[in-house]
C-alpha atoms as a PDB file:
ATOM      1  CA  MET A   1    -107.527 -66.713   9.009  1.00  0.00           C
ATOM      2  CA  THR A   2    -106.094 -69.130  11.910  1.00  0.00           C
ATOM      3  CA  SER A   3    -107.715 -71.389  13.357  1.00  0.00           C
ATOM      4  CA  THR A   4    -107.249 -73.055  17.114  1.00  0.00           C
ATOM      5  CA  PRO A   5    -106.505 -76.873  16.738  1.00  0.00           C
ATOM      6  CA  ASP A   6    -109.623 -79.027  17.530  1.00  0.00           C
ATOM      7  CA  LEU A   7    -108.860 -81.174  20.590  1.00  0.00           C
ATOM      8  CA  ASP A   8    -109.474 -84.970  20.339  1.00  0.00           C
ATOM      9  CA  LEU A   9    -113.492 -86.232  20.313  1.00  0.00           C
ATOM     10  CA  SER A  10    -115.005 -88.656  22.641  1.00  0.00           C
ATOM     11  CA  PRO A  11    -117.072 -91.039  21.491  1.00  0.00           C
ATOM     12  CA  THR A  12    -120.152 -89.249  22.245  1.00  0.00           C
ATOM     13  CA  GLN A  13    -118.908 -86.230  20.529  1.00  0.00           C
ATOM     14  CA  ILE A  14    -118.240 -88.174  17.404  1.00  0.00           C
ATOM     15  CA  ASP A  15    -121.779 -90.061  17.622  1.00  0.00           C
ATOM     16  CA  ARG A  16    -123.227 -86.499  17.770  1.00  0.00           C
ATOM     17  CA  ALA A  17    -121.178 -85.033  14.866  1.00  0.00           C
ATOM     18  CA  THR A  18    -122.196 -88.420  12.540  1.00  0.00           C
ATOM     19  CA  GLY A  19    -126.152 -87.729  13.560  1.00  0.00           C
ATOM     20  CA  VAL A  20    -125.853 -83.852  11.889  1.00  0.00           C
ATOM     21  CA  LEU A  21    -126.090 -84.626   8.218  1.00  0.00           C
ATOM     22  CA  LEU A  22    -128.116 -87.956   8.886  1.00  0.00           C
ATOM     23  CA  THR A  23    -130.724 -86.395  10.780  1.00  0.00           C
ATOM     24  CA  GLN A  24    -130.759 -83.077   8.410  1.00  0.00           C
ATOM     25  CA  ALA A  25    -131.672 -85.714   5.309  1.00  0.00           C
ATOM     26  CA  VAL A  26    -134.093 -87.851   7.528  1.00  0.00           C
ATOM     27  CA  GLY A  27    -135.916 -84.419   8.264  1.00  0.00           C
ATOM     28  CA  ASP A  28    -135.647 -83.461   4.781  1.00  0.00           C
ATOM     29  CA  ALA A  29    -137.017 -86.718   3.540  1.00  0.00           C
ATOM     30  CA  LEU A  30    -140.161 -86.829   6.040  1.00  0.00           C
ATOM     31  CA  GLY A  31    -140.965 -83.212   5.029  1.00  0.00           C
ATOM     32  CA  VAL A  32    -140.412 -83.924   0.889  1.00  0.00           C
ATOM     33  CA  PRO A  33    -144.425 -85.121   0.405  1.00  0.00           C
ATOM     34  CA  TYR A  34    -145.527 -82.333   2.361  1.00  0.00           C
ATOM     35  CA  GLU A  35    -144.151 -79.425   1.056  1.00  0.00           C
ATOM     36  CA  PHE A  36    -146.404 -76.538   0.200  1.00  0.00           C
ATOM     37  CA  ALA A  37    -149.356 -79.152   0.889  1.00  0.00           C
ATOM     38  CA  ALA A  38    -151.680 -79.932   3.528  1.00  0.00           C
ATOM     39  CA  PRO A  39    -149.475 -81.617   6.669  1.00  0.00           C
ATOM     40  CA  PRO A  40    -150.240 -85.139   7.467  1.00  0.00           C
ATOM     41  CA  ALA A  41    -152.928 -86.277   9.733  1.00  0.00           C
ATOM     42  CA  ASP A  42    -150.891 -88.259  12.042  1.00  0.00           C
ATOM     43  CA  GLU A  43    -146.813 -88.318  11.864  1.00  0.00           C
ATOM     44  CA  PRO A  44    -145.256 -87.981   8.626  1.00  0.00           C
ATOM     45  CA  GLU A  45    -143.827 -91.011   6.764  1.00  0.00           C
ATOM     46  CA  MET A  46    -140.896 -90.678   4.122  1.00  0.00           C
ATOM     47  CA  ILE A  47    -143.174 -91.728   1.479  1.00  0.00           C
ATOM     48  CA  GLY A  48    -141.849 -89.583  -1.391  1.00  0.00           C
ATOM     49  CA  GLY A  49    -143.485 -87.851  -4.099  1.00  0.00           C
ATOM     50  CA  GLY A  50    -143.451 -83.984  -3.332  1.00  0.00           C
ATOM     51  CA  LEU A  51    -141.913 -81.290  -5.852  1.00  0.00           C
ATOM     52  CA  GLY A  52    -139.236 -83.667  -7.036  1.00  0.00           C
ATOM     53  CA  PRO A  53    -141.251 -86.042  -7.453  1.00  0.00           C
ATOM     54  CA  TYR A  54    -138.731 -88.002  -4.956  1.00  0.00           C
ATOM     55  CA  GLU A  55    -138.912 -91.816  -3.995  1.00  0.00           C
ATOM     56  CA  PRO A  56    -139.840 -92.690  -0.334  1.00  0.00           C
ATOM     57  CA  GLY A  57    -136.916 -91.765   1.822  1.00  0.00           C
ATOM     58  CA  GLU A  58    -135.334 -89.382  -0.858  1.00  0.00           C
ATOM     59  CA  TRP A  59    -133.675 -86.295   0.530  1.00  0.00           C
ATOM     60  CA  SER A  60    -134.205 -82.871  -1.270  1.00  0.00           C
ATOM     61  CA  ASP A  61    -131.958 -79.597  -2.269  1.00  0.00           C
ATOM     62  CA  ASP A  62    -131.906 -78.667   1.201  1.00  0.00           C
ATOM     63  CA  THR A  63    -129.274 -82.140   2.021  1.00  0.00           C
ATOM     64  CA  GLN A  64    -127.902 -81.877  -1.473  1.00  0.00           C
ATOM     65  CA  MET A  65    -126.404 -78.784  -1.063  1.00  0.00           C
ATOM     66  CA  ALA A  66    -125.426 -79.438   2.347  1.00  0.00           C
ATOM     67  CA  ILE A  67    -123.662 -82.397   0.765  1.00  0.00           C
ATOM     68  CA  CYS A  68    -121.481 -79.926  -1.790  1.00  0.00           C
ATOM     69  CA  ILE A  69    -120.523 -78.002   1.209  1.00  0.00           C
ATOM     70  CA  ALA A  70    -119.448 -81.521   3.145  1.00  0.00           C
ATOM     71  CA  ARG A  71    -117.443 -82.611   0.473  1.00  0.00           C
ATOM     72  CA  VAL A  72    -115.359 -79.993   0.487  1.00  0.00           C
ATOM     73  CA  ALA A  73    -115.120 -79.386   4.500  1.00  0.00           C
ATOM     74  CA  ALA A  74    -114.743 -83.204   4.946  1.00  0.00           C
ATOM     75  CA  THR A  75    -110.982 -82.623   2.971  1.00  0.00           C
ATOM     76  CA  GLY A  76    -110.106 -80.439   5.883  1.00  0.00           C
ATOM     77  CA  ALA A  77    -110.105 -77.321   3.884  1.00  0.00           C
ATOM     78  CA  ASP A  78    -110.895 -73.900   5.717  1.00  0.00           C
ATOM     79  CA  LEU A  79    -114.127 -72.833   4.471  1.00  0.00           C
ATOM     80  CA  THR A  80    -113.344 -69.331   5.064  1.00  0.00           C
ATOM     81  CA  SER A  81    -110.507 -69.379   2.428  1.00  0.00           C
ATOM     82  CA  SER A  82    -110.896 -68.285  -1.390  1.00  0.00           C
ATOM     83  CA  THR A  83    -109.852 -71.726  -2.462  1.00  0.00           C
ATOM     84  CA  ALA A  84    -112.613 -73.322  -0.357  1.00  0.00           C
ATOM     85  CA  VAL A  85    -115.407 -70.832  -1.261  1.00  0.00           C
ATOM     86  CA  ASP A  86    -114.192 -71.482  -5.228  1.00  0.00           C
ATOM     87  CA  ALA A  87    -114.666 -75.474  -4.400  1.00  0.00           C
ATOM     88  CA  VAL A  88    -118.225 -75.161  -2.805  1.00  0.00           C
ATOM     89  CA  ALA A  89    -119.575 -72.431  -5.303  1.00  0.00           C
ATOM     90  CA  ALA A  90    -118.104 -74.667  -7.924  1.00  0.00           C
ATOM     91  CA  ALA A  91    -119.996 -77.916  -6.448  1.00  0.00           C
ATOM     92  CA  PHE A  92    -123.315 -75.885  -6.236  1.00  0.00           C
ATOM     93  CA  GLU A  93    -122.730 -75.269 -10.152  1.00  0.00           C
ATOM     94  CA  GLY A  94    -122.094 -78.790 -10.442  1.00  0.00           C
ATOM     95  CA  TRP A  95    -125.238 -79.803  -8.761  1.00  0.00           C
ATOM     96  CA  LEU A  96    -127.337 -77.248 -10.521  1.00  0.00           C
ATOM     97  CA  ASN A  97    -126.553 -78.862 -13.729  1.00  0.00           C
ATOM     98  CA  GLY A  98    -125.705 -82.452 -12.867  1.00  0.00           C
ATOM     99  CA  GLY A  99    -128.876 -83.711 -10.305  1.00  0.00           C
ATOM    100  CA  ALA A 100    -130.537 -80.627  -8.473  1.00  0.00           C
ATOM    101  CA  SER A 101    -134.115 -82.153  -7.961  1.00  0.00           C
ATOM    102  CA  ASP A 102    -135.649 -78.882  -6.925  1.00  0.00           C
ATOM    103  CA  VAL A 103    -133.877 -75.361  -6.349  1.00  0.00           C
ATOM    104  CA  GLY A 104    -135.003 -72.587  -4.916  1.00  0.00           C
ATOM    105  CA  THR A 105    -136.087 -69.363  -6.656  1.00  0.00           C
ATOM    106  CA  GLN A 106    -133.533 -67.254  -5.039  1.00  0.00           C
ATOM    107  CA  THR A 107    -130.707 -69.827  -5.344  1.00  0.00           C
ATOM    108  CA  ARG A 108    -131.165 -70.720  -9.153  1.00  0.00           C
ATOM    109  CA  ALA A 109    -131.150 -67.027  -9.878  1.00  0.00           C
ATOM    110  CA  VAL A 110    -127.774 -66.453  -8.413  1.00  0.00           C
ATOM    111  CA  LEU A 111    -126.623 -69.362  -9.810  1.00  0.00           C
ATOM    112  CA  ARG A 112    -127.860 -68.353 -13.266  1.00  0.00           C
ATOM    113  CA  ALA A 113    -126.445 -64.956 -13.167  1.00  0.00           C
ATOM    114  CA  ALA A 114    -123.149 -65.985 -11.929  1.00  0.00           C
ATOM    115  CA  ALA A 115    -123.131 -68.509 -15.140  1.00  0.00           C
ATOM    116  CA  ARG A 116    -122.910 -65.550 -17.417  1.00  0.00           C
ATOM    117  CA  ALA A 117    -119.900 -64.238 -15.795  1.00  0.00           C
ATOM    118  CA  THR A 118    -116.329 -64.986 -16.043  1.00  0.00           C
ATOM    119  CA  GLY A 119    -113.632 -66.182 -13.421  1.00  0.00           C
ATOM    120  CA  PRO A 120    -113.388 -68.037 -10.237  1.00  0.00           C
ATOM    121  CA  ALA A 121    -116.472 -69.612  -8.979  1.00  0.00           C
ATOM    122  CA  GLY A 122    -116.232 -68.389  -5.877  1.00  0.00           C
ATOM    123  CA  ILE A 123    -116.127 -64.582  -6.801  1.00  0.00           C
ATOM    124  CA  ARG A 124    -118.886 -65.135  -9.606  1.00  0.00           C
ATOM    125  CA  LEU A 125    -121.281 -66.321  -7.367  1.00  0.00           C
ATOM    126  CA  THR A 126    -120.887 -64.143  -4.562  1.00  0.00           C
ATOM    127  CA  THR A 127    -120.961 -61.164  -6.830  1.00  0.00           C
ATOM    128  CA  ALA A 128    -124.327 -62.568  -8.377  1.00  0.00           C
ATOM    129  CA  ALA A 129    -125.827 -62.823  -4.728  1.00  0.00           C
ATOM    130  CA  ARG A 130    -125.027 -59.292  -3.729  1.00  0.00           C
ATOM    131  CA  GLU A 131    -126.243 -58.132  -6.935  1.00  0.00           C
ATOM    132  CA  TYR A 132    -129.672 -60.172  -6.212  1.00  0.00           C
ATOM    133  CA  THR A 133    -130.243 -58.417  -2.768  1.00  0.00           C
ATOM    134  CA  ALA A 134    -129.380 -54.926  -3.750  1.00  0.00           C
ATOM    135  CA  SER A 135    -132.070 -55.116  -6.308  1.00  0.00           C
ATOM    136  CA  HIS A 136    -134.680 -57.691  -4.391  1.00  0.00           C
ATOM    137  CA  PRO A 137    -135.432 -55.994  -0.937  1.00  0.00           C
ATOM    138  CA  ARG A 138    -136.631 -59.329   0.172  1.00  0.00           C
ATOM    139  CA  SER A 139    -133.750 -61.471  -0.140  1.00  0.00           C
ATOM    140  CA  ALA A 140    -133.486 -63.432   3.061  1.00  0.00           C
ATOM    141  CA  GLY A 141    -134.755 -66.847   1.877  1.00  0.00           C
ATOM    142  CA  ASN A 142    -133.939 -69.641   3.766  1.00  0.00           C
ATOM    143  CA  GLY A 143    -131.799 -71.287   1.209  1.00  0.00           C
ATOM    144  CA  ALA A 144    -128.541 -70.536   3.329  1.00  0.00           C
ATOM    145  CA  LEU A 145    -129.835 -71.512   6.420  1.00  0.00           C
ATOM    146  CA  MET A 146    -131.141 -74.964   5.353  1.00  0.00           C
ATOM    147  CA  ARG A 147    -127.855 -76.317   4.289  1.00  0.00           C
ATOM    148  CA  THR A 148    -125.636 -74.624   7.215  1.00  0.00           C
ATOM    149  CA  SER A 149    -125.795 -77.209  10.125  1.00  0.00           C
ATOM    150  CA  ILE A 150    -122.848 -79.046   8.614  1.00  0.00           C
ATOM    151  CA  VAL A 151    -120.482 -75.884   8.848  1.00  0.00           C
ATOM    152  CA  GLY A 152    -121.048 -76.106  12.294  1.00  0.00           C
ATOM    153  CA  LEU A 153    -118.803 -79.314  12.474  1.00  0.00           C
ATOM    154  CA  THR A 154    -115.894 -77.811  10.714  1.00  0.00           C
ATOM    155  CA  ARG A 155    -113.963 -76.173  13.507  1.00  0.00           C
ATOM    156  CA  LEU A 156    -115.493 -77.622  16.785  1.00  0.00           C
ATOM    157  CA  HIS A 157    -113.441 -75.866  19.261  1.00  0.00           C
ATOM    158  CA  ASP A 158    -113.402 -72.513  17.300  1.00  0.00           C
ATOM    159  CA  ARG A 159    -116.616 -70.181  17.621  1.00  0.00           C
ATOM    160  CA  ASP A 160    -115.146 -67.387  16.027  1.00  0.00           C
ATOM    161  CA  HIS A 161    -114.087 -69.318  13.098  1.00  0.00           C
ATOM    162  CA  THR A 162    -117.019 -71.447  12.716  1.00  0.00           C
ATOM    163  CA  ALA A 163    -118.934 -68.044  12.433  1.00  0.00           C
ATOM    164  CA  ALA A 164    -116.596 -66.728  10.011  1.00  0.00           C
ATOM    165  CA  SER A 165    -117.021 -70.247   7.894  1.00  0.00           C
ATOM    166  CA  ALA A 166    -121.047 -69.641   8.223  1.00  0.00           C
ATOM    167  CA  ARG A 167    -120.624 -66.124   6.883  1.00  0.00           C
ATOM    168  CA  ALA A 168    -118.401 -67.179   3.932  1.00  0.00           C
ATOM    169  CA  VAL A 169    -120.473 -70.310   2.810  1.00  0.00           C
ATOM    170  CA  ALA A 170    -124.022 -68.270   3.381  1.00  0.00           C
ATOM    171  CA  ALA A 171    -122.694 -65.383   1.416  1.00  0.00           C
ATOM    172  CA  ILE A 172    -121.858 -67.615  -1.605  1.00  0.00           C
ATOM    173  CA  THR A 173    -125.875 -67.307  -2.511  1.00  0.00           C
ATOM    174  CA  HIS A 174    -127.162 -65.225   0.221  1.00  0.00           C
ATOM    175  CA  ALA A 175    -125.574 -61.811   0.790  1.00  0.00           C
ATOM    176  CA  ASP A 176    -128.578 -60.702   2.795  1.00  0.00           C
ATOM    177  CA  ARG A 177    -127.675 -59.714   6.675  1.00  0.00           C
ATOM    178  CA  LEU A 178    -130.582 -61.416   7.948  1.00  0.00           C
ATOM    179  CA  ALA A 179    -129.777 -64.683   6.049  1.00  0.00           C
ATOM    180  CA  ILE A 180    -126.093 -64.708   7.023  1.00  0.00           C
ATOM    181  CA  ASP A 181    -126.794 -63.880  10.911  1.00  0.00           C
ATOM    182  CA  SER A 182    -129.012 -66.664  10.699  1.00  0.00           C
ATOM    183  CA  CYS A 183    -126.732 -68.966   9.862  1.00  0.00           C
ATOM    184  CA  VAL A 184    -123.686 -68.060  12.073  1.00  0.00           C
ATOM    185  CA  LEU A 185    -126.417 -68.354  14.950  1.00  0.00           C
ATOM    186  CA  TRP A 186    -127.590 -71.938  13.769  1.00  0.00           C
ATOM    187  CA  SER A 187    -124.084 -73.226  12.860  1.00  0.00           C
ATOM    188  CA  ASP A 188    -122.628 -72.103  16.343  1.00  0.00           C
ATOM    189  CA  ALA A 189    -125.782 -73.799  17.838  1.00  0.00           C
ATOM    190  CA  VAL A 190    -124.894 -77.028  16.074  1.00  0.00           C
ATOM    191  CA  ARG A 191    -120.991 -76.789  17.081  1.00  0.00           C
ATOM    192  CA  ARG A 192    -122.139 -76.152  20.905  1.00  0.00           C
ATOM    193  CA  ALA A 193    -124.712 -79.042  20.687  1.00  0.00           C
ATOM    194  CA  VAL A 194    -121.892 -81.385  19.681  1.00  0.00           C
ATOM    195  CA  VAL A 195    -118.973 -80.116  21.875  1.00  0.00           C
ATOM    196  CA  ASP A 196    -121.495 -79.783  25.314  1.00  0.00           C
ATOM    197  CA  GLY A 197    -124.347 -81.701  24.546  1.00  0.00           C
ATOM    198  CA  ARG A 198    -126.709 -78.678  24.987  1.00  0.00           C
ATOM    199  CA  LEU A 199    -129.297 -77.060  23.005  1.00  0.00           C
ATOM    200  CA  ASP A 200    -128.619 -72.940  23.114  1.00  0.00           C
ATOM    201  CA  LEU A 201    -129.693 -70.880  20.077  1.00  0.00           C
ATOM    202  CA  THR A 202    -128.984 -67.674  21.590  1.00  0.00           C
ATOM    203  CA  SER A 203    -124.785 -68.975  22.728  1.00  0.00           C
ATOM    204  CA  GLY A 204    -124.089 -67.151  19.414  1.00  0.00           C
ATOM    205  CA  LEU A 205    -125.523 -63.905  19.546  1.00  0.00           C
ATOM    206  CA  ASP A 206    -122.054 -62.099  20.228  1.00  0.00           C
ATOM    207  CA  LEU A 207    -120.989 -63.572  17.368  1.00  0.00           C
ATOM    208  CA  ILE A 208    -123.198 -61.240  15.188  1.00  0.00           C
ATOM    209  CA  ASP A 209    -123.581 -57.524  14.693  1.00  0.00           C
ATOM    210  CA  ALA A 210    -124.443 -55.758  17.955  1.00  0.00           C
ATOM    211  CA  ASP A 211    -127.264 -53.500  16.371  1.00  0.00           C
ATOM    212  CA  GLY A 212    -128.706 -57.118  15.557  1.00  0.00           C
ATOM    213  CA  ARG A 213    -128.488 -58.872  18.527  1.00  0.00           C
ATOM    214  CA  ASP A 214    -131.464 -57.053  20.418  1.00  0.00           C
ATOM    215  CA  GLN A 215    -134.063 -58.426  17.623  1.00  0.00           C
ATOM    216  CA  TRP A 216    -132.530 -61.821  17.044  1.00  0.00           C
ATOM    217  CA  ALA A 217    -133.007 -62.512  21.077  1.00  0.00           C
ATOM    218  CA  SER A 218    -136.552 -61.557  20.404  1.00  0.00           C
ATOM    219  CA  TRP A 219    -137.191 -63.494  17.714  1.00  0.00           C
ATOM    220  CA  ILE A 220    -135.314 -66.536  19.444  1.00  0.00           C
ATOM    221  CA  ASP A 221    -137.798 -65.517  22.642  1.00  0.00           C
ATOM    222  CA  GLU A 222    -140.757 -65.659  20.486  1.00  0.00           C
ATOM    223  CA  ALA A 223    -140.113 -69.087  18.950  1.00  0.00           C
ATOM    224  CA  THR A 224    -138.964 -70.719  22.142  1.00  0.00           C
ATOM    225  CA  GLY A 225    -141.915 -73.509  23.310  1.00  0.00           C
ATOM    226  CA  ALA A 226    -143.842 -71.598  20.979  1.00  0.00           C
ATOM    227  CA  ASP A 227    -146.422 -73.733  18.078  1.00  0.00           C
ATOM    228  CA  PRO A 228    -144.051 -73.825  15.146  1.00  0.00           C
ATOM    229  CA  ALA A 229    -146.854 -73.437  13.085  1.00  0.00           C
ATOM    230  CA  ARG A 230    -147.243 -69.686  14.195  1.00  0.00           C
ATOM    231  CA  PHE A 231    -143.933 -69.137  11.841  1.00  0.00           C
ATOM    232  CA  SER A 232    -145.758 -70.246   8.493  1.00  0.00           C
ATOM    233  CA  PRO A 233    -144.988 -69.109   6.030  1.00  0.00           C
ATOM    234  CA  ASN A 234    -141.479 -70.075   6.492  1.00  0.00           C
ATOM    235  CA  GLY A 235    -139.380 -69.100   3.250  1.00  0.00           C
ATOM    236  CA  PHE A 236    -138.368 -66.233   5.339  1.00  0.00           C
ATOM    237  CA  THR A 237    -135.078 -67.426   6.975  1.00  0.00           C
ATOM    238  CA  VAL A 238    -136.134 -65.640  10.132  1.00  0.00           C
ATOM    239  CA  THR A 239    -139.436 -67.402  10.206  1.00  0.00           C
ATOM    240  CA  ALA A 240    -137.580 -71.021   9.065  1.00  0.00           C
ATOM    241  CA  LEU A 241    -135.193 -70.628  11.672  1.00  0.00           C
ATOM    242  CA  GLN A 242    -138.349 -69.680  14.201  1.00  0.00           C
ATOM    243  CA  ALA A 243    -140.252 -72.798  13.102  1.00  0.00           C
ATOM    244  CA  ALA A 244    -137.437 -75.233  13.516  1.00  0.00           C
ATOM    245  CA  TRP A 245    -136.345 -73.961  16.979  1.00  0.00           C
ATOM    246  CA  ALA A 246    -140.199 -73.946  18.069  1.00  0.00           C
ATOM    247  CA  ALA A 247    -140.553 -77.592  16.952  1.00  0.00           C
ATOM    248  CA  ILE A 248    -137.207 -78.175  19.225  1.00  0.00           C
ATOM    249  CA  THR A 249    -138.355 -76.698  22.048  1.00  0.00           C
ATOM    250  CA  SER A 250    -142.004 -77.318  22.316  1.00  0.00           C
ATOM    251  CA  THR A 251    -141.783 -80.678  21.966  1.00  0.00           C
ATOM    252  CA  ASP A 252    -139.398 -81.378  25.000  1.00  0.00           C
ATOM    253  CA  PRO A 253    -141.349 -81.673  28.279  1.00  0.00           C
ATOM    254  CA  GLY A 254    -138.218 -81.854  30.226  1.00  0.00           C
ATOM    255  CA  ARG A 255    -137.142 -78.240  29.238  1.00  0.00           C
ATOM    256  CA  GLY A 256    -139.916 -76.019  30.644  1.00  0.00           C
ATOM    257  CA  ASP A 257    -139.178 -72.775  28.912  1.00  0.00           C
ATOM    258  CA  GLY A 258    -136.811 -74.636  26.009  1.00  0.00           C
ATOM    259  CA  SER A 259    -133.580 -73.895  27.351  1.00  0.00           C
ATOM    260  CA  ASP A 260    -130.876 -76.549  27.858  1.00  0.00           C
ATOM    261  CA  ARG A 261    -128.590 -75.395  29.888  1.00  0.00           C
ATOM    262  CA  GLY A 262    -127.810 -78.422  31.709  1.00  0.00           C
ATOM    263  CA  ASP A 263    -124.523 -80.308  32.610  1.00  0.00           C
ATOM    264  CA  GLY A 264    -124.111 -81.715  28.973  1.00  0.00           C
ATOM    265  CA  ARG A 265    -124.566 -85.236  29.566  1.00  0.00           C
ATOM    266  CA  ASP A 266    -126.498 -87.027  27.329  1.00  0.00           C
ATOM    267  CA  ARG A 267    -130.076 -88.483  28.239  1.00  0.00           C
ATOM    268  CA  GLY A 268    -131.119 -91.869  27.734  1.00  0.00           C
ATOM    269  CA  ALA A 269    -131.277 -93.434  24.369  1.00  0.00           C
ATOM    270  CA  GLY A 270    -135.280 -93.643  24.501  1.00  0.00           C
ATOM    271  CA  ASN A 271    -135.808 -90.035  25.604  1.00  0.00           C
ATOM    272  CA  ALA A 272    -133.464 -88.808  22.735  1.00  0.00           C
ATOM    273  CA  ALA A 273    -134.882 -90.786  20.149  1.00  0.00           C
ATOM    274  CA  ALA A 274    -138.204 -89.790  21.449  1.00  0.00           C
ATOM    275  CA  HIS A 275    -137.682 -86.151  21.327  1.00  0.00           C
ATOM    276  CA  LEU A 276    -136.116 -86.374  18.095  1.00  0.00           C
ATOM    277  CA  ARG A 277    -139.008 -88.279  16.709  1.00  0.00           C
ATOM    278  CA  ARG A 278    -141.522 -85.512  18.186  1.00  0.00           C
ATOM    279  CA  ALA A 279    -139.450 -82.676  17.044  1.00  0.00           C
ATOM    280  CA  LEU A 280    -139.057 -83.809  13.420  1.00  0.00           C
ATOM    281  CA  SER A 281    -142.938 -84.515  13.431  1.00  0.00           C
ATOM    282  CA  ALA A 282    -143.650 -81.102  14.810  1.00  0.00           C
ATOM    283  CA  ALA A 283    -141.291 -79.409  12.025  1.00  0.00           C
ATOM    284  CA  VAL A 284    -143.451 -80.898   9.165  1.00  0.00           C
ATOM    285  CA  HIS A 285    -146.646 -80.066  10.947  1.00  0.00           C
ATOM    286  CA  ALA A 286    -145.560 -76.467  10.929  1.00  0.00           C
ATOM    287  CA  GLY A 287    -146.442 -76.560   7.263  1.00  0.00           C
ATOM    288  CA  ASP A 288    -145.332 -74.785   4.526  1.00  0.00           C
ATOM    289  CA  ASP A 289    -141.726 -75.557   3.532  1.00  0.00           C
ATOM    290  CA  THR A 290    -141.953 -78.640   5.315  1.00  0.00           C
ATOM    291  CA  ASP A 291    -138.508 -80.297   3.939  1.00  0.00           C
ATOM    292  CA  THR A 292    -136.426 -77.318   4.846  1.00  0.00           C
ATOM    293  CA  VAL A 293    -137.786 -76.568   8.430  1.00  0.00           C
ATOM    294  CA  ALA A 294    -137.488 -80.045   9.064  1.00  0.00           C
ATOM    295  CA  ALA A 295    -133.701 -79.975   7.636  1.00  0.00           C
ATOM    296  CA  ILE A 296    -133.067 -77.402   9.532  1.00  0.00           C
ATOM    297  CA  ALA A 297    -134.378 -79.024  12.809  1.00  0.00           C
ATOM    298  CA  GLY A 298    -132.724 -82.367  12.218  1.00  0.00           C
ATOM    299  CA  GLY A 299    -129.027 -80.864  11.635  1.00  0.00           C
ATOM    300  CA  LEU A 300    -129.218 -79.418  15.139  1.00  0.00           C
ATOM    301  CA  LEU A 301    -131.208 -82.115  16.726  1.00  0.00           C
ATOM    302  CA  GLY A 302    -128.631 -84.747  15.256  1.00  0.00           C
ATOM    303  CA  ALA A 303    -126.059 -82.770  16.406  1.00  0.00           C
ATOM    304  CA  ARG A 304    -127.574 -82.653  20.388  1.00  0.00           C
ATOM    305  CA  TYR A 305    -128.441 -86.733  19.947  1.00  0.00           C
ATOM    306  CA  GLY A 306    -126.245 -88.193  17.835  1.00  0.00           C
ATOM    307  CA  ALA A 307    -126.518 -90.579  14.692  1.00  0.00           C
ATOM    308  CA  SER A 308    -127.755 -93.463  17.385  1.00  0.00           C
ATOM    309  CA  ALA A 309    -131.119 -91.560  17.990  1.00  0.00           C
ATOM    310  CA  VAL A 310    -132.167 -91.750  14.650  1.00  0.00           C
ATOM    311  CA  PRO A 311    -134.475 -94.663  14.362  1.00  0.00           C
ATOM    312  CA  ASP A 312    -133.280 -97.605  12.204  1.00  0.00           C
ATOM    313  CA  ALA A 313    -136.541 -97.640  10.056  1.00  0.00           C
ATOM    314  CA  TRP A 314    -135.712 -94.126   9.048  1.00  0.00           C
ATOM    315  CA  SER A 315    -131.804 -94.679   8.476  1.00  0.00           C
ATOM    316  CA  SER A 316    -132.383 -97.389   6.236  1.00  0.00           C
ATOM    317  CA  LEU A 317    -134.544 -95.725   3.949  1.00  0.00           C
ATOM    318  CA  VAL A 318    -132.912 -92.834   3.617  1.00  0.00           C
ATOM    319  CA  HIS A 319    -130.924 -91.529   0.522  1.00  0.00           C
ATOM    320  CA  GLY A 320    -130.423 -89.023  -2.316  1.00  0.00           C
ATOM    321  CA  TRP A 321    -128.460 -87.431  -4.614  1.00  0.00           C
ATOM    322  CA  PRO A 322    -125.364 -88.013  -5.070  1.00  0.00           C
ATOM    323  CA  GLY A 323    -125.879 -91.636  -5.033  1.00  0.00           C
ATOM    324  CA  MET A 324    -125.800 -91.747  -1.156  1.00  0.00           C
ATOM    325  CA  THR A 325    -127.079 -93.140   1.779  1.00  0.00           C
ATOM    326  CA  ALA A 326    -127.186 -92.952   5.703  1.00  0.00           C
ATOM    327  CA  THR A 327    -123.517 -94.636   5.699  1.00  0.00           C
ATOM    328  CA  ASP A 328    -122.213 -91.851   3.477  1.00  0.00           C
ATOM    329  CA  LEU A 329    -123.560 -89.146   5.095  1.00  0.00           C
ATOM    330  CA  THR A 330    -122.315 -90.115   8.638  1.00  0.00           C
ATOM    331  CA  ASP A 331    -118.949 -91.316   7.031  1.00  0.00           C
ATOM    332  CA  LEU A 332    -119.140 -87.333   5.498  1.00  0.00           C
ATOM    333  CA  ALA A 333    -119.977 -85.839   8.913  1.00  0.00           C
ATOM    334  CA  THR A 334    -117.020 -87.297  10.847  1.00  0.00           C
ATOM    335  CA  ARG A 335    -114.421 -86.661   8.180  1.00  0.00           C
ATOM    336  CA  THR A 336    -115.572 -82.847   8.488  1.00  0.00           C
ATOM    337  CA  ALA A 337    -115.422 -82.780  12.337  1.00  0.00           C
ATOM    338  CA  THR A 338    -111.922 -84.327  12.424  1.00  0.00           C
ATOM    339  CA  ARG A 339    -111.057 -82.610   9.356  1.00  0.00           C
ATOM    340  CA  GLY A 340    -110.610 -85.515   7.284  1.00  0.00           C
END
């Protein structure tokens, strides 16, 4: 697939791009202690524990799998190509066998089924994912959506290519159409936030099949400005997206109806940091799959506000597989956005 060359990125756009993986990881680590447990009484803290159990500040599988994608994308690879899909799929297999601290049920089933087959990793995993979906009518889990924000950085000035990349990467483990659509919508929202400085989840509706647009528009409208706890449980990709979007839009008093269709200029650093903090707290307070919802929300919040909006207390503590820190995440994101 051909792609329009990316234009030079401004310092503000670079800051937003570097915020994607970092803020995803921060949300992930904030949600880890409360996953499938009672939400905190006050603001969440990176106290560790959870299903790992994790160290304080340690991210979980949501960010681990995003890193697998980012390490391929950071080379400038075209994620729609079979070579890149093979590389990402092989990275997922390597992660499962060499460091995965927690693995979703569907993702584990697909990876295990693929391990029993022969041939290139991309073909084995996508085939196993299709077979899983064919035999499991409720296979639209949130395991593809949780890792998709980084895909939004891969072709920042080519929305069609971004959508195609989101489909290709999601389908490695999640073949259900709803899972794939959610990744297309979220990846495009990340791309738009980095480029234009806007939060707009509806702008990518034309990138999914026409017969699904009205339903997705309704789901997004239902979540805009709503209490994110309405969408718990949120293991389903639709409710995970709704919970993350509700957390973002319900905590921004400057947006009223939840839309962010201004002139693209960034707010002051204090307002950006305050909204980022409020939204991540709301994502955790949604309950259920707290690390995943906060990771999804974090990817888009980071794309909107940048790494500079992340409190130092969080960025200095966050870390995880494979021995990375905040600096490593921002470097990966920068190289992804600039194609290496």
